[in-house]
């Protein structure tokens, strides 16, 4: 793994975490009033899990981007095209990742955030697939990210369903 690649992926994931963190406010009166499913993890789980997942995403992506033995993929794509496509998929995934916090916490649109989280989950699963294609070990390592995004979709949907009138309420 090249230093500049891991610096780029680490900076991109850190920017994503910062952008999402700026929008996140679990102490807001609005959030505290929301009904949550009894299976929601404790609040401390979220920063712990997301920190580990962001680190995994940065390293796994750097390993994939710097893979030396990238085969030409079906459909006639060259290894160079596959790497370029990977960069775009990673960037789109990071934007989707940060956007959830803005939709849920700032816009206070639980249903919209849940729908966006489903798109994030699909993007994350696709990123795992792309990573695996470039480097099997890195792809397997990234799988928990897609699984957690899937869990986040289910949790977001449950919160939206438990709070049908929560959208846009101030407080």
Protein backbone atom coordinates (compact mmCIF):
# COMPACT_ATOMS: atom_id res chain seq x y z
CA UNK A 1 0.00 0.00 0.00
CA UNK A 2 1.40 3.37 -1.01
CA UNK A 3 1.59 6.14 1.57
CA UNK A 4 -0.17 8.72 -0.64
CA UNK A 5 -3.07 6.36 -1.30
CA UNK A 6 -3.70 5.69 2.38
CA UNK A 7 -3.32 9.42 3.13
CA UNK A 8 -5.98 10.16 0.48
CA UNK A 9 -8.42 7.47 1.68
CA UNK A 10 -7.84 8.38 5.34
CA UNK A 11 -8.42 12.08 4.60
CA UNK A 12 -11.56 11.30 2.61
CA UNK A 13 -13.03 9.10 5.34
CA UNK A 14 -12.05 11.60 8.04
CA UNK A 15 -13.79 14.37 6.07
CA UNK A 16 -16.86 12.14 5.80
CA UNK A 17 -16.84 11.50 9.55
CA UNK A 18 -16.40 15.21 10.26
CA UNK A 19 -19.20 16.22 7.89
CA UNK A 20 -21.56 13.72 9.47
CA UNK A 21 -20.42 14.62 12.96
CA UNK A 22 -21.17 18.31 12.47
CA UNK A 23 -24.80 17.42 11.76
CA UNK A 24 -25.21 14.84 14.54
CA UNK A 25 -26.88 15.88 17.80
CA UNK A 26 -28.04 12.96 19.94
CA UNK A 27 -28.61 15.36 22.85
CA UNK A 28 -31.20 17.44 21.00
CA UNK A 29 -34.68 17.62 22.47
CA UNK A 30 -36.05 16.43 19.11
CA UNK A 31 -34.03 13.23 19.19
CA UNK A 32 -34.64 12.56 22.89
CA UNK A 33 -38.40 12.76 22.25
CA UNK A 34 -38.26 10.17 19.49
CA UNK A 35 -39.40 6.66 20.29
CA UNK A 36 -36.63 4.12 19.59
CA UNK A 37 -36.81 0.36 19.30
CA UNK A 38 -35.73 -1.48 22.42
CA UNK A 39 -33.03 -3.27 20.40
CA UNK A 40 -31.21 -0.04 19.53
CA UNK A 41 -27.59 -0.27 20.73
CA UNK A 42 -26.45 2.05 23.52
CA UNK A 43 -25.33 5.50 22.42
CA UNK A 44 -21.64 4.75 22.98
CA UNK A 45 -21.77 1.97 20.37
CA UNK A 46 -22.18 4.39 17.48
CA UNK A 47 -18.94 6.40 17.74
CA UNK A 48 -16.99 3.24 18.62
CA UNK A 49 -18.37 1.23 15.68
CA UNK A 50 -18.19 4.07 13.17
CA UNK A 51 -14.58 4.91 14.10
CA UNK A 52 -13.56 1.29 13.49
CA UNK A 53 -15.54 1.12 10.26
CA UNK A 54 -14.07 4.37 8.92
CA UNK A 55 -10.54 3.11 9.68
CA UNK A 56 -11.38 -0.18 7.94
CA UNK A 57 -12.82 1.69 4.95
CA UNK A 58 -9.72 3.88 4.61
CA UNK A 59 -7.28 0.97 4.79
CA UNK A 60 -9.30 -1.52 2.73
CA UNK A 61 -9.85 1.06 0.01
CA UNK A 62 -6.17 1.99 -0.06
CA UNK A 63 -5.20 -1.67 -0.36
CA UNK A 64 -7.70 -2.17 -3.19
CA UNK A 65 -6.58 0.95 -5.04
CA UNK A 66 -2.93 -0.10 -4.82
CA UNK A 67 -3.45 -3.73 -5.78
CA UNK A 68 -0.76 -4.70 -8.27
CA UNK A 69 -2.34 -7.79 -9.77
CA UNK A 70 -5.69 -6.37 -10.80
CA UNK A 71 -7.09 -8.59 -13.50
CA UNK A 72 -8.99 -7.17 -16.42
CA UNK A 73 -12.62 -7.59 -15.45
CA UNK A 74 -15.51 -9.04 -17.43
CA UNK A 75 -17.13 -6.63 -19.80
CA UNK A 76 -13.87 -5.45 -21.31
CA UNK A 77 -12.84 -3.04 -18.54
CA UNK A 78 -9.11 -2.68 -18.09
CA UNK A 79 -7.51 -2.65 -14.66
CA UNK A 80 -6.97 1.11 -14.99
CA UNK A 81 -10.66 1.64 -15.78
CA UNK A 82 -11.63 -0.54 -12.83
CA UNK A 83 -9.48 1.54 -10.46
CA UNK A 84 -10.95 4.79 -11.83
CA UNK A 85 -14.46 3.37 -11.43
CA UNK A 86 -13.60 2.29 -7.89
CA UNK A 87 -12.53 5.82 -6.96
CA UNK A 88 -15.87 7.16 -8.18
CA UNK A 89 -17.83 4.49 -6.29
CA UNK A 90 -15.86 5.24 -3.11
CA UNK A 91 -16.46 8.98 -3.43
CA UNK A 92 -20.20 8.45 -4.01
CA UNK A 93 -20.35 6.13 -0.99
CA UNK A 94 -18.65 8.68 1.24
CA UNK A 95 -21.09 11.40 0.15
CA UNK A 96 -24.03 9.09 0.88
CA UNK A 97 -22.50 8.23 4.24
CA UNK A 98 -22.23 11.86 5.35
CA UNK A 99 -25.63 12.78 3.89
CA UNK A 100 -27.54 10.48 6.24
CA UNK A 101 -26.65 12.63 9.27
CA UNK A 102 -27.85 15.77 7.55
CA UNK A 103 -31.13 14.18 6.50
CA UNK A 104 -31.83 12.63 9.90
CA UNK A 105 -30.37 15.04 12.44
CA UNK A 106 -30.55 18.44 10.69
CA UNK A 107 -33.50 18.03 8.32
CA UNK A 108 -35.30 15.82 10.85
CA UNK A 109 -36.70 13.63 8.08
CA UNK A 110 -36.54 10.06 9.46
CA UNK A 111 -38.25 8.44 6.48
CA UNK A 112 -36.07 10.26 3.98
CA UNK A 113 -32.98 9.33 6.02
CA UNK A 114 -34.09 5.68 6.10
CA UNK A 115 -34.57 5.64 2.33
CA UNK A 116 -31.18 7.30 1.82
CA UNK A 117 -29.63 4.76 4.19
CA UNK A 118 -30.99 1.95 2.00
CA UNK A 119 -29.18 3.54 -0.95
CA UNK A 120 -26.03 3.81 1.22
CA UNK A 121 -26.33 0.12 2.06
CA UNK A 122 -26.58 -0.83 -1.62
CA UNK A 123 -23.60 1.42 -2.37
CA UNK A 124 -21.63 -0.15 0.49
CA UNK A 125 -22.39 -3.68 -0.71
CA UNK A 126 -21.27 -2.63 -4.20
CA UNK A 127 -18.09 -1.15 -2.72
CA UNK A 128 -17.37 -4.44 -0.93
CA UNK A 129 -17.87 -6.27 -4.26
CA UNK A 130 -15.55 -3.87 -6.07
CA UNK A 131 -12.96 -4.08 -3.29
CA UNK A 132 -13.07 -7.87 -3.36
CA UNK A 133 -12.56 -7.83 -7.12
CA UNK A 134 -9.39 -5.78 -6.67
CA UNK A 135 -8.11 -7.51 -3.52
CA UNK A 136 -9.95 -10.41 -1.91
CA UNK A 137 -8.57 -9.83 1.58
CA UNK A 138 -9.50 -6.16 1.55
CA UNK A 139 -12.96 -6.99 0.22
CA UNK A 140 -13.58 -9.50 3.01
CA UNK A 141 -12.28 -6.97 5.54
CA UNK A 142 -14.74 -4.34 4.28
CA UNK A 143 -17.82 -6.59 4.59
CA UNK A 144 -18.68 -5.40 8.15
CA UNK A 145 -19.12 -1.87 6.77
CA UNK A 146 -21.90 -2.99 4.43
CA UNK A 147 -23.45 -5.12 7.17
CA UNK A 148 -23.49 -2.19 9.61
CA UNK A 149 -25.04 0.07 6.94
CA UNK A 150 -27.74 -2.59 6.51
CA UNK A 151 -28.33 -2.57 10.27
CA UNK A 152 -28.45 1.25 10.19
CA UNK A 153 -31.12 1.07 7.48
CA UNK A 154 -33.25 -1.25 9.59
CA UNK A 155 -32.77 0.94 12.67
CA UNK A 156 -33.52 4.15 10.76
CA UNK A 157 -36.67 2.59 9.32
CA UNK A 158 -37.79 1.39 12.76
CA UNK A 159 -37.31 4.87 14.23
CA UNK A 160 -39.23 6.43 11.33
CA UNK A 161 -42.08 3.94 11.77
CA UNK A 162 -42.25 4.56 15.52
CA UNK A 163 -42.39 8.34 14.95
CA UNK A 164 -44.70 9.04 12.01
CA UNK A 165 -45.09 12.72 12.91
CA UNK A 166 -41.42 13.40 13.74
CA UNK A 167 -40.47 15.03 10.47
CA UNK A 168 -39.36 18.60 10.84
CA UNK A 169 -40.44 19.06 14.47
CA UNK A 170 -38.33 21.65 16.20
CA UNK A 171 -36.86 21.41 19.64
